[in-house]
């Protein structure tokens, strides 16, 4: 009798930013490798990529509204946080990074992250303008999260940014995120 291997559940948060289009490729890579994927989006993220795209790619409903129930028996932020084996936020905006660092729960994504069991790792993949990334307040928040050991930060890469300048702030490429995510499960 063949033993069934349990699929790993990836809860993927998407923040508003031009690099959110790259996250579509990350979802495709995860599903192709037999991960179960559920996507949460901030309201700003829905302005860059339609929830319909993530729904089709993940083969699951997309979550973005704290107060709409996908299934009436579930409290979304609790059921999503309990479902996840790993949470990834890509792209991670400066806004959401700071909210997570201070435990601010004013949207579905930040509320779910706050409700995650402490043994559930969160892979943070920032993408923002270089000046935002290097802002001492943002760096203080990054260091605060790193100290908790629950949060794994993939620093942004150097390259041409959305504003047209060369600098540090690009989101890591989907294949790189995918490889890093798989290594988290091996630890």
N, C-alpha and C. Protein backbone atom coordinates (compact mmCIF):
# COMPACT_ATOMS: atom_id res chain seq x y z
N UNK A 1 0.84 -1.18 0.00
CA UNK A 1 0.00 0.00 0.00
C UNK A 1 0.89 1.25 0.00
N UNK A 2 0.61 2.14 -0.93
CA UNK A 2 1.39 3.37 -1.03
C UNK A 2 1.03 4.34 0.06
N UNK A 3 2.04 4.94 0.64
CA UNK A 3 1.83 5.95 1.68
C UNK A 3 1.63 7.31 1.03
N UNK A 4 0.57 7.98 1.38
CA UNK A 4 0.29 9.30 0.82
C UNK A 4 1.09 10.36 1.55
N UNK A 5 1.74 11.19 0.79
CA UNK A 5 2.49 12.30 1.37
C UNK A 5 1.56 13.50 1.48
N UNK A 6 1.52 14.08 2.67
CA UNK A 6 0.67 15.24 2.92
C UNK A 6 1.24 16.46 2.18
N UNK A 7 0.37 17.13 1.45
CA UNK A 7 0.78 18.37 0.79
C UNK A 7 1.10 19.42 1.84
N UNK A 8 2.11 20.22 1.58
CA UNK A 8 2.44 21.34 2.46
C UNK A 8 1.55 22.52 2.07
N UNK A 9 1.07 23.21 3.08
CA UNK A 9 0.17 24.34 2.87
C UNK A 9 0.93 25.66 2.96
N UNK A 10 0.90 26.41 1.88
CA UNK A 10 1.57 27.70 1.81
C UNK A 10 0.52 28.80 1.78
N UNK A 11 0.58 29.67 2.77
CA UNK A 11 -0.27 30.83 2.82
C UNK A 11 0.55 32.00 2.28
N UNK A 12 0.10 32.56 1.18
CA UNK A 12 0.87 33.57 0.47
C UNK A 12 0.20 34.93 0.58
N UNK A 13 0.89 35.87 1.21
CA UNK A 13 0.40 37.24 1.32
C UNK A 13 0.98 38.08 0.20
N UNK A 14 0.14 38.91 -0.41
CA UNK A 14 0.58 39.79 -1.50
C UNK A 14 0.22 41.22 -1.12
N UNK A 15 1.24 42.08 -1.06
CA UNK A 15 1.03 43.50 -0.76
C UNK A 15 1.04 44.30 -2.06
N UNK A 16 0.56 45.52 -1.98
CA UNK A 16 0.53 46.39 -3.15
C UNK A 16 1.93 46.79 -3.57
N UNK A 17 2.21 46.62 -4.82
CA UNK A 17 3.50 47.00 -5.39
C UNK A 17 3.62 46.44 -6.78
N UNK A 18 4.38 47.10 -7.61
CA UNK A 18 4.50 46.69 -9.00
C UNK A 18 5.03 45.26 -9.13
N UNK A 19 5.85 44.81 -8.19
CA UNK A 19 6.42 43.46 -8.30
C UNK A 19 5.43 42.36 -7.97
N UNK A 20 4.20 42.72 -7.61
CA UNK A 20 3.20 41.69 -7.31
C UNK A 20 2.92 40.80 -8.52
N UNK A 21 3.19 41.30 -9.72
CA UNK A 21 3.00 40.45 -10.90
C UNK A 21 3.93 39.23 -10.86
N UNK A 22 5.12 39.37 -10.25
CA UNK A 22 6.06 38.26 -10.15
C UNK A 22 5.52 37.15 -9.24
N UNK A 23 4.66 37.51 -8.31
CA UNK A 23 4.13 36.53 -7.37
C UNK A 23 3.25 35.51 -8.08
N UNK A 24 2.69 35.88 -9.22
CA UNK A 24 1.92 34.92 -10.02
C UNK A 24 2.79 33.74 -10.40
N UNK A 25 4.01 34.00 -10.79
CA UNK A 25 4.95 32.92 -11.16
C UNK A 25 5.29 32.07 -9.95
N UNK A 26 5.43 32.68 -8.79
CA UNK A 26 5.70 31.92 -7.56
C UNK A 26 4.55 30.96 -7.27
N UNK A 27 3.32 31.41 -7.41
CA UNK A 27 2.16 30.54 -7.19
C UNK A 27 2.20 29.37 -8.17
N UNK A 28 2.50 29.66 -9.42
CA UNK A 28 2.56 28.61 -10.44
C UNK A 28 3.62 27.56 -10.07
N UNK A 29 4.79 28.01 -9.63
CA UNK A 29 5.86 27.08 -9.23
C UNK A 29 5.43 26.21 -8.05
N UNK A 30 4.77 26.81 -7.08
CA UNK A 30 4.33 26.08 -5.89
C UNK A 30 3.29 25.02 -6.24
N UNK A 31 2.30 25.40 -7.02
CA UNK A 31 1.23 24.46 -7.39
C UNK A 31 1.81 23.32 -8.24
N UNK A 32 2.71 23.66 -9.15
CA UNK A 32 3.35 22.64 -10.00
C UNK A 32 4.11 21.63 -9.15
N UNK A 33 4.65 22.07 -8.01
CA UNK A 33 5.42 21.18 -7.13
C UNK A 33 4.55 20.58 -6.02
N UNK A 34 3.24 20.59 -6.22
CA UNK A 34 2.26 19.94 -5.34
C UNK A 34 2.08 20.59 -3.97
N UNK A 35 2.38 21.88 -3.84
CA UNK A 35 2.04 22.60 -2.62
C UNK A 35 0.58 23.03 -2.74
N UNK A 36 -0.12 23.10 -1.61
CA UNK A 36 -1.44 23.72 -1.58
C UNK A 36 -1.20 25.19 -1.28
N UNK A 37 -1.83 26.07 -2.05
CA UNK A 37 -1.58 27.50 -1.91
C UNK A 37 -2.89 28.25 -1.73
N UNK A 38 -2.92 29.09 -0.70
CA UNK A 38 -4.02 30.04 -0.52
C UNK A 38 -3.40 31.42 -0.50
N UNK A 39 -4.04 32.34 -1.21
CA UNK A 39 -3.51 33.69 -1.37
C UNK A 39 -4.37 34.69 -0.60
N UNK A 40 -3.67 35.56 0.16
CA UNK A 40 -4.30 36.71 0.82
C UNK A 40 -3.72 37.95 0.16
N UNK A 41 -4.56 38.93 -0.09
CA UNK A 41 -4.09 40.17 -0.71
C UNK A 41 -4.52 41.37 0.11
N UNK A 42 -3.65 42.38 0.14
CA UNK A 42 -4.08 43.65 0.70
C UNK A 42 -4.95 44.34 -0.35
N UNK A 43 -5.71 45.33 0.08
CA UNK A 43 -6.54 46.07 -0.87
C UNK A 43 -5.67 46.70 -1.96
N UNK A 44 -4.51 47.23 -1.57
CA UNK A 44 -3.61 47.85 -2.56
C UNK A 44 -3.13 46.82 -3.58
N UNK A 45 -2.90 45.58 -3.17
CA UNK A 45 -2.44 44.54 -4.09
C UNK A 45 -3.45 44.28 -5.19
N UNK A 46 -4.74 44.39 -4.86
CA UNK A 46 -5.79 44.12 -5.86
C UNK A 46 -5.79 45.17 -6.97
N UNK A 47 -5.10 46.29 -6.77
CA UNK A 47 -4.99 47.33 -7.80
C UNK A 47 -3.92 46.96 -8.83
N UNK A 48 -3.01 46.05 -8.48
CA UNK A 48 -1.92 45.66 -9.37
C UNK A 48 -2.22 44.35 -10.10
N UNK A 49 -2.76 43.36 -9.39
CA UNK A 49 -3.10 42.07 -9.98
C UNK A 49 -4.48 41.68 -9.46
N UNK A 50 -5.34 41.25 -10.35
CA UNK A 50 -6.70 40.87 -9.97
C UNK A 50 -6.70 39.61 -9.10
N UNK A 51 -7.54 39.57 -8.07
CA UNK A 51 -7.68 38.34 -7.29
C UNK A 51 -8.05 37.13 -8.16
N UNK A 52 -8.75 37.38 -9.26
CA UNK A 52 -9.13 36.30 -10.17
C UNK A 52 -7.89 35.55 -10.68
N UNK A 53 -6.83 36.28 -10.97
CA UNK A 53 -5.60 35.65 -11.47
C UNK A 53 -5.03 34.70 -10.41
N UNK A 54 -4.91 35.17 -9.17
CA UNK A 54 -4.38 34.32 -8.11
C UNK A 54 -5.31 33.15 -7.81
N UNK A 55 -6.62 33.37 -7.93
CA UNK A 55 -7.57 32.29 -7.71
C UNK A 55 -7.41 31.17 -8.73
N UNK A 56 -7.25 31.55 -9.98
CA UNK A 56 -7.06 30.55 -11.04
C UNK A 56 -5.73 29.82 -10.88
N UNK A 57 -4.68 30.56 -10.58
CA UNK A 57 -3.36 29.94 -10.44
C UNK A 57 -3.27 29.02 -9.22
N UNK A 58 -3.88 29.43 -8.11
CA UNK A 58 -3.80 28.64 -6.87
C UNK A 58 -4.85 27.55 -6.78
N UNK A 59 -5.90 27.68 -7.59
CA UNK A 59 -7.04 26.75 -7.55
C UNK A 59 -7.76 26.81 -6.21
N UNK A 60 -7.71 28.00 -5.58
CA UNK A 60 -8.37 28.23 -4.30
C UNK A 60 -8.97 29.64 -4.29
N UNK A 61 -9.93 29.88 -3.40
CA UNK A 61 -10.44 31.25 -3.26
C UNK A 61 -9.31 32.18 -2.80
N UNK A 62 -9.44 33.44 -3.14
CA UNK A 62 -8.47 34.44 -2.72
C UNK A 62 -9.10 35.26 -1.60
N UNK A 63 -8.32 35.56 -0.59
CA UNK A 63 -8.82 36.23 0.60
C UNK A 63 -8.26 37.66 0.64
N UNK A 64 -9.16 38.63 0.75
CA UNK A 64 -8.69 40.01 0.84
C UNK A 64 -9.57 40.89 1.69
N UNK A 65 -10.73 40.41 2.04
CA UNK A 65 -11.64 41.21 2.85
C UNK A 65 -11.85 40.54 4.19
N UNK A 66 -11.52 41.24 5.23
CA UNK A 66 -11.62 40.71 6.59
C UNK A 66 -13.06 40.31 6.95
N UNK A 67 -14.02 40.95 6.35
CA UNK A 67 -15.40 40.77 6.81
C UNK A 67 -16.29 39.99 5.85
N UNK A 68 -15.72 39.44 4.78
CA UNK A 68 -16.54 38.57 3.93
C UNK A 68 -16.15 37.13 4.20
N UNK A 69 -17.11 36.30 4.41
CA UNK A 69 -16.86 34.90 4.72
C UNK A 69 -16.83 34.07 3.45
N UNK A 70 -15.80 33.27 3.28
CA UNK A 70 -15.76 32.34 2.16
C UNK A 70 -16.57 31.11 2.53
N UNK A 71 -16.44 30.67 3.77
CA UNK A 71 -17.27 29.61 4.32
C UNK A 71 -17.80 30.13 5.64
N UNK A 72 -19.10 30.10 5.81
CA UNK A 72 -19.71 30.72 6.97
C UNK A 72 -19.25 30.15 8.31
N UNK A 73 -18.85 28.87 8.32
CA UNK A 73 -18.48 28.27 9.61
C UNK A 73 -17.07 28.68 10.07
N UNK A 74 -16.30 29.30 9.23
CA UNK A 74 -14.91 29.65 9.57
C UNK A 74 -14.74 31.12 9.91
N UNK A 75 -13.93 31.38 10.91
CA UNK A 75 -13.47 32.73 11.17
C UNK A 75 -12.17 32.83 10.38
N UNK A 76 -12.18 33.65 9.31
CA UNK A 76 -11.10 33.63 8.33
C UNK A 76 -9.70 33.73 8.91
N UNK A 77 -9.45 34.72 9.73
CA UNK A 77 -8.06 34.89 10.16
C UNK A 77 -7.58 33.73 11.02
N UNK A 78 -8.47 33.09 11.74
CA UNK A 78 -8.07 31.94 12.56
C UNK A 78 -7.93 30.69 11.69
N UNK A 79 -8.89 30.43 10.83
CA UNK A 79 -8.81 29.22 10.01
C UNK A 79 -7.63 29.27 9.05
N UNK A 80 -7.34 30.43 8.47
CA UNK A 80 -6.18 30.55 7.58
C UNK A 80 -4.88 30.36 8.35
N UNK A 81 -4.78 30.95 9.53
CA UNK A 81 -3.55 30.83 10.31
C UNK A 81 -3.32 29.39 10.78
N UNK A 82 -4.37 28.65 11.05
CA UNK A 82 -4.24 27.26 11.48
C UNK A 82 -3.94 26.34 10.30
N UNK A 83 -4.37 26.72 9.11
CA UNK A 83 -4.17 25.91 7.91
C UNK A 83 -2.71 25.92 7.45
N UNK A 84 -2.03 27.03 7.65
CA UNK A 84 -0.70 27.26 7.05
C UNK A 84 0.41 26.44 7.71
N UNK A 85 1.24 25.82 6.87
CA UNK A 85 2.50 25.23 7.33
C UNK A 85 3.62 26.27 7.25
N UNK A 86 3.46 27.22 6.35
CA UNK A 86 4.42 28.30 6.16
C UNK A 86 3.67 29.48 5.54
N UNK A 87 4.03 30.68 5.96
CA UNK A 87 3.46 31.89 5.37
C UNK A 87 4.57 32.62 4.63
N UNK A 88 4.26 33.09 3.44
CA UNK A 88 5.20 33.88 2.63
C UNK A 88 4.50 35.19 2.29
N UNK A 89 5.20 36.30 2.44
CA UNK A 89 4.64 37.58 2.02
C UNK A 89 5.57 38.14 0.95
N UNK A 90 5.06 38.15 -0.30
CA UNK A 90 5.85 38.57 -1.46
C UNK A 90 4.94 39.21 -2.50
N UNK A 91 5.10 40.45 -2.83
CA UNK A 91 6.04 41.38 -2.23
C UNK A 91 5.54 41.88 -0.87
N UNK A 92 6.49 42.22 -0.05
CA UNK A 92 6.20 42.81 1.26
C UNK A 92 6.48 44.30 1.16
N UNK A 93 5.47 45.10 1.39
CA UNK A 93 5.63 46.55 1.35
C UNK A 93 6.19 47.07 2.68
N UNK A 94 6.72 48.26 2.64
CA UNK A 94 7.20 48.92 3.86
C UNK A 94 6.06 49.08 4.86
N UNK A 95 4.89 49.39 4.36
CA UNK A 95 3.71 49.57 5.19
C UNK A 95 3.38 48.30 5.97
N UNK A 96 3.28 47.17 5.26
CA UNK A 96 2.92 45.91 5.92
C UNK A 96 4.05 45.42 6.80
N UNK A 97 5.29 45.59 6.39
CA UNK A 97 6.43 45.21 7.22
C UNK A 97 6.34 45.90 8.57
N UNK A 98 6.08 47.19 8.56
CA UNK A 98 6.01 47.96 9.80
C UNK A 98 4.81 47.54 10.65
N UNK A 99 3.69 47.25 10.01
CA UNK A 99 2.52 46.79 10.75
C UNK A 99 2.79 45.45 11.44
N UNK A 100 3.43 44.53 10.72
CA UNK A 100 3.75 43.21 11.29
C UNK A 100 4.70 43.39 12.48
N UNK A 101 5.70 44.26 12.33
CA UNK A 101 6.68 44.47 13.41
C UNK A 101 6.03 45.01 14.68
N UNK A 102 4.93 45.74 14.53
CA UNK A 102 4.26 46.33 15.70
C UNK A 102 2.95 45.64 16.07
N UNK A 103 2.64 44.53 15.39
CA UNK A 103 1.42 43.80 15.73
C UNK A 103 0.15 44.52 15.37
N UNK A 104 0.20 45.39 14.38
CA UNK A 104 -1.00 46.12 13.95
C UNK A 104 -1.83 45.21 13.05
N UNK A 105 -3.08 45.05 13.41
CA UNK A 105 -3.98 44.13 12.71
C UNK A 105 -5.15 44.91 12.11
N UNK A 106 -4.90 45.65 11.04
CA UNK A 106 -5.96 46.47 10.46
C UNK A 106 -6.42 46.00 9.09
N UNK A 107 -5.95 44.84 8.66
CA UNK A 107 -6.47 44.22 7.44
C UNK A 107 -6.33 42.70 7.60
N UNK A 108 -6.86 41.95 6.66
CA UNK A 108 -6.85 40.49 6.80
C UNK A 108 -5.43 39.95 6.86
N UNK A 109 -4.55 40.40 6.00
CA UNK A 109 -3.19 39.87 5.96
C UNK A 109 -2.47 40.08 7.28
N UNK A 110 -2.48 41.28 7.81
CA UNK A 110 -1.75 41.54 9.06
C UNK A 110 -2.40 40.81 10.24
N UNK A 111 -3.70 40.66 10.21
CA UNK A 111 -4.40 39.95 11.28
C UNK A 111 -4.06 38.46 11.26
N UNK A 112 -4.02 37.87 10.06
CA UNK A 112 -3.66 36.45 9.94
C UNK A 112 -2.22 36.23 10.41
N UNK A 113 -1.31 37.09 10.01
CA UNK A 113 0.10 36.93 10.42
C UNK A 113 0.21 37.00 11.94
N UNK A 114 -0.53 37.89 12.55
CA UNK A 114 -0.50 38.00 14.01
C UNK A 114 -1.09 36.75 14.68
N UNK A 115 -2.04 36.11 14.02
CA UNK A 115 -2.71 34.94 14.60
C UNK A 115 -1.99 33.62 14.30
N UNK A 116 -0.93 33.65 13.50
CA UNK A 116 -0.21 32.41 13.19
C UNK A 116 0.39 31.81 14.46
N UNK A 117 0.34 30.48 14.59
CA UNK A 117 1.03 29.85 15.71
C UNK A 117 2.51 30.23 15.67
N UNK A 118 3.15 30.35 16.83
CA UNK A 118 4.52 30.84 16.84
C UNK A 118 5.50 29.91 16.13
N UNK A 119 5.18 28.62 15.99
CA UNK A 119 6.07 27.70 15.29
C UNK A 119 5.88 27.74 13.77
N UNK A 120 4.94 28.53 13.27
CA UNK A 120 4.75 28.68 11.83
C UNK A 120 5.64 29.82 11.35
N UNK A 121 6.62 29.47 10.52
CA UNK A 121 7.57 30.46 10.01
C UNK A 121 6.90 31.38 8.98
N UNK A 122 7.45 32.60 8.90
CA UNK A 122 6.97 33.59 7.92
C UNK A 122 8.17 34.05 7.11
N UNK A 123 8.13 33.80 5.82
CA UNK A 123 9.17 34.23 4.90
C UNK A 123 8.77 35.59 4.33
N UNK A 124 9.56 36.61 4.64
CA UNK A 124 9.27 37.98 4.22
C UNK A 124 10.15 38.33 3.02
N UNK A 125 9.52 38.79 1.94
CA UNK A 125 10.23 39.12 0.72
C UNK A 125 9.92 40.58 0.35
N UNK A 126 10.68 41.52 0.92
CA UNK A 126 10.41 42.94 0.70
C UNK A 126 10.68 43.38 -0.74
N UNK A 127 9.91 44.39 -1.14
CA UNK A 127 10.11 45.06 -2.42
C UNK A 127 9.66 46.51 -2.23
N UNK A 128 10.58 47.43 -2.43
CA UNK A 128 10.25 48.85 -2.24
C UNK A 128 11.38 49.70 -2.81
N UNK A 129 11.17 50.97 -2.85
CA UNK A 129 12.20 51.91 -3.28
C UNK A 129 13.40 51.81 -2.35
N UNK A 130 14.61 52.01 -2.88
CA UNK A 130 15.83 51.89 -2.08
C UNK A 130 15.82 52.81 -0.86
N UNK A 131 15.33 54.03 -1.01
CA UNK A 131 15.29 54.95 0.12
C UNK A 131 14.36 54.44 1.22
N UNK A 132 13.27 53.81 0.82
CA UNK A 132 12.36 53.23 1.81
C UNK A 132 13.05 52.07 2.51
N UNK A 133 13.69 51.18 1.73
CA UNK A 133 14.36 50.02 2.31
C UNK A 133 15.45 50.43 3.29
N UNK A 134 16.20 51.46 2.95
CA UNK A 134 17.32 51.88 3.79
C UNK A 134 16.91 52.85 4.90
N UNK A 135 15.66 53.21 4.95
CA UNK A 135 15.18 54.10 6.00
C UNK A 135 15.46 53.45 7.36
N UNK A 136 16.07 54.19 8.29
CA UNK A 136 16.42 53.60 9.60
C UNK A 136 15.22 53.00 10.33
N UNK A 137 14.06 53.56 10.16
CA UNK A 137 12.87 53.02 10.83
C UNK A 137 12.52 51.65 10.24
N UNK A 138 12.57 51.53 8.91
CA UNK A 138 12.29 50.25 8.26
C UNK A 138 13.34 49.22 8.68
N UNK A 139 14.62 49.61 8.69
CA UNK A 139 15.68 48.69 9.10
C UNK A 139 15.52 48.25 10.55
N UNK A 140 15.08 49.16 11.40
CA UNK A 140 14.82 48.81 12.80
C UNK A 140 13.70 47.76 12.88
N UNK A 141 12.67 47.93 12.06
CA UNK A 141 11.56 46.96 12.04
C UNK A 141 12.02 45.61 11.51
N UNK A 142 12.87 45.61 10.48
CA UNK A 142 13.41 44.36 9.93
C UNK A 142 14.20 43.64 11.02
N UNK A 143 15.07 44.35 11.70
CA UNK A 143 15.89 43.74 12.76
C UNK A 143 15.04 43.22 13.91
N UNK A 144 13.99 43.94 14.23
CA UNK A 144 13.07 43.51 15.29
C UNK A 144 12.45 42.16 14.92
N UNK A 145 12.01 42.02 13.67
CA UNK A 145 11.39 40.77 13.23
C UNK A 145 12.41 39.63 13.16
N UNK A 146 13.61 39.92 12.67
CA UNK A 146 14.64 38.88 12.57
C UNK A 146 14.97 38.29 13.95
N UNK A 147 14.99 39.13 14.97
CA UNK A 147 15.33 38.67 16.32
C UNK A 147 14.33 37.65 16.85
N UNK A 148 13.12 37.66 16.34
CA UNK A 148 12.09 36.75 16.82
C UNK A 148 12.27 35.32 16.30
N UNK A 149 13.11 35.11 15.31
CA UNK A 149 13.40 33.79 14.73
C UNK A 149 12.21 33.17 14.01
N UNK A 150 11.04 33.72 14.16
CA UNK A 150 9.85 33.26 13.44
C UNK A 150 9.88 33.79 12.01
N UNK A 151 10.50 34.95 11.84
CA UNK A 151 10.50 35.65 10.56
C UNK A 151 11.84 35.48 9.86
N UNK A 152 11.77 35.10 8.59
CA UNK A 152 12.94 34.94 7.75
C UNK A 152 12.86 36.02 6.68
N UNK A 153 13.88 36.84 6.58
CA UNK A 153 13.84 37.96 5.64
C UNK A 153 14.78 37.68 4.47
N UNK A 154 14.23 37.72 3.26
CA UNK A 154 15.04 37.67 2.03
C UNK A 154 15.21 39.11 1.60
N UNK A 155 16.36 39.71 1.83
CA UNK A 155 16.52 41.13 1.50
C UNK A 155 16.27 41.40 0.02
N UNK A 156 15.84 42.61 -0.30
CA UNK A 156 15.63 42.94 -1.71
C UNK A 156 16.96 42.93 -2.47
N UNK A 157 16.85 42.78 -3.76
CA UNK A 157 18.00 42.71 -4.65
C UNK A 157 18.27 44.07 -5.29
N UNK A 158 19.47 44.22 -5.84
CA UNK A 158 19.81 45.44 -6.57
C UNK A 158 19.40 45.30 -8.03
N UNK A 159 18.99 46.41 -8.61
CA UNK A 159 18.60 46.42 -10.02
C UNK A 159 17.84 47.68 -10.34
N UNK A 160 17.26 47.71 -11.53
CA UNK A 160 16.44 48.85 -11.92
C UNK A 160 15.11 48.73 -11.20
N UNK A 161 14.77 49.76 -10.44
CA UNK A 161 13.52 49.77 -9.67
C UNK A 161 12.39 50.36 -10.49
N UNK A 162 11.17 50.21 -10.00
CA UNK A 162 9.99 50.71 -10.71
C UNK A 162 10.08 52.21 -10.99
N UNK A 163 10.77 52.94 -10.12
CA UNK A 163 10.91 54.39 -10.30
C UNK A 163 11.95 54.74 -11.37
N UNK A 164 12.62 53.71 -11.93
CA UNK A 164 13.57 53.93 -13.01
C UNK A 164 15.01 54.10 -12.59
N UNK A 165 15.30 54.09 -11.31
CA UNK A 165 16.68 54.24 -10.85
C UNK A 165 17.24 52.87 -10.47
N UNK A 166 18.55 52.77 -10.49
CA UNK A 166 19.23 51.55 -10.07
C UNK A 166 19.42 51.63 -8.55
N UNK A 167 19.05 50.56 -7.87
CA UNK A 167 19.23 50.57 -6.43
C UNK A 167 18.79 49.26 -5.81
N UNK A 168 18.86 49.20 -4.49
CA UNK A 168 18.46 48.01 -3.73
C UNK A 168 16.99 48.16 -3.36
N UNK A 169 16.18 47.22 -3.81
CA UNK A 169 14.76 47.29 -3.50
C UNK A 169 13.92 46.31 -4.30
N UNK A 170 14.54 45.65 -5.30
CA UNK A 170 13.81 44.69 -6.13
C UNK A 170 13.44 43.44 -5.35
N UNK A 171 12.27 42.93 -5.59
CA UNK A 171 11.86 41.67 -4.98
C UNK A 171 12.72 40.55 -5.57
N UNK A 172 13.09 39.59 -4.74
CA UNK A 172 13.82 38.41 -5.22
C UNK A 172 12.98 37.74 -6.31
N UNK A 173 13.64 37.07 -7.22
CA UNK A 173 12.95 36.39 -8.31
C UNK A 173 12.16 35.19 -7.78
N UNK A 174 11.03 34.87 -8.42
CA UNK A 174 10.19 33.76 -7.95
C UNK A 174 10.94 32.44 -7.77
N UNK A 175 11.82 32.09 -8.69
CA UNK A 175 12.56 30.83 -8.56
C UNK A 175 13.45 30.83 -7.32
N UNK A 176 14.03 31.98 -7.00
CA UNK A 176 14.87 32.11 -5.81
C UNK A 176 14.03 31.98 -4.53
N UNK A 177 12.86 32.61 -4.53
CA UNK A 177 11.95 32.53 -3.38
C UNK A 177 11.50 31.08 -3.19
N UNK A 178 11.14 30.43 -4.29
CA UNK A 178 10.70 29.04 -4.27
C UNK A 178 11.78 28.14 -3.67
N UNK A 179 13.00 28.31 -4.12
CA UNK A 179 14.12 27.51 -3.61
C UNK A 179 14.33 27.75 -2.11
N UNK A 180 14.27 29.00 -1.71
CA UNK A 180 14.46 29.35 -0.30
C UNK A 180 13.32 28.76 0.55
N UNK A 181 12.11 28.87 0.05
CA UNK A 181 10.93 28.34 0.75
C UNK A 181 11.08 26.83 0.97
N UNK A 182 11.51 26.12 -0.04
CA UNK A 182 11.69 24.66 0.11
C UNK A 182 12.77 24.34 1.12
N UNK A 183 13.81 25.17 1.22
CA UNK A 183 14.87 24.92 2.18
C UNK A 183 14.39 25.13 3.62
N UNK A 184 13.38 25.97 3.82
CA UNK A 184 12.82 26.19 5.16
C UNK A 184 12.21 24.90 5.70
N UNK A 185 11.59 24.11 4.81
CA UNK A 185 10.98 22.86 5.25
C UNK A 185 12.02 21.79 5.59
N UNK A 186 13.22 21.92 5.05
CA UNK A 186 14.27 20.94 5.32
C UNK A 186 14.96 21.18 6.66
N UNK A 187 14.77 22.36 7.23
CA UNK A 187 15.44 22.70 8.50
C UNK A 187 14.76 22.04 9.67
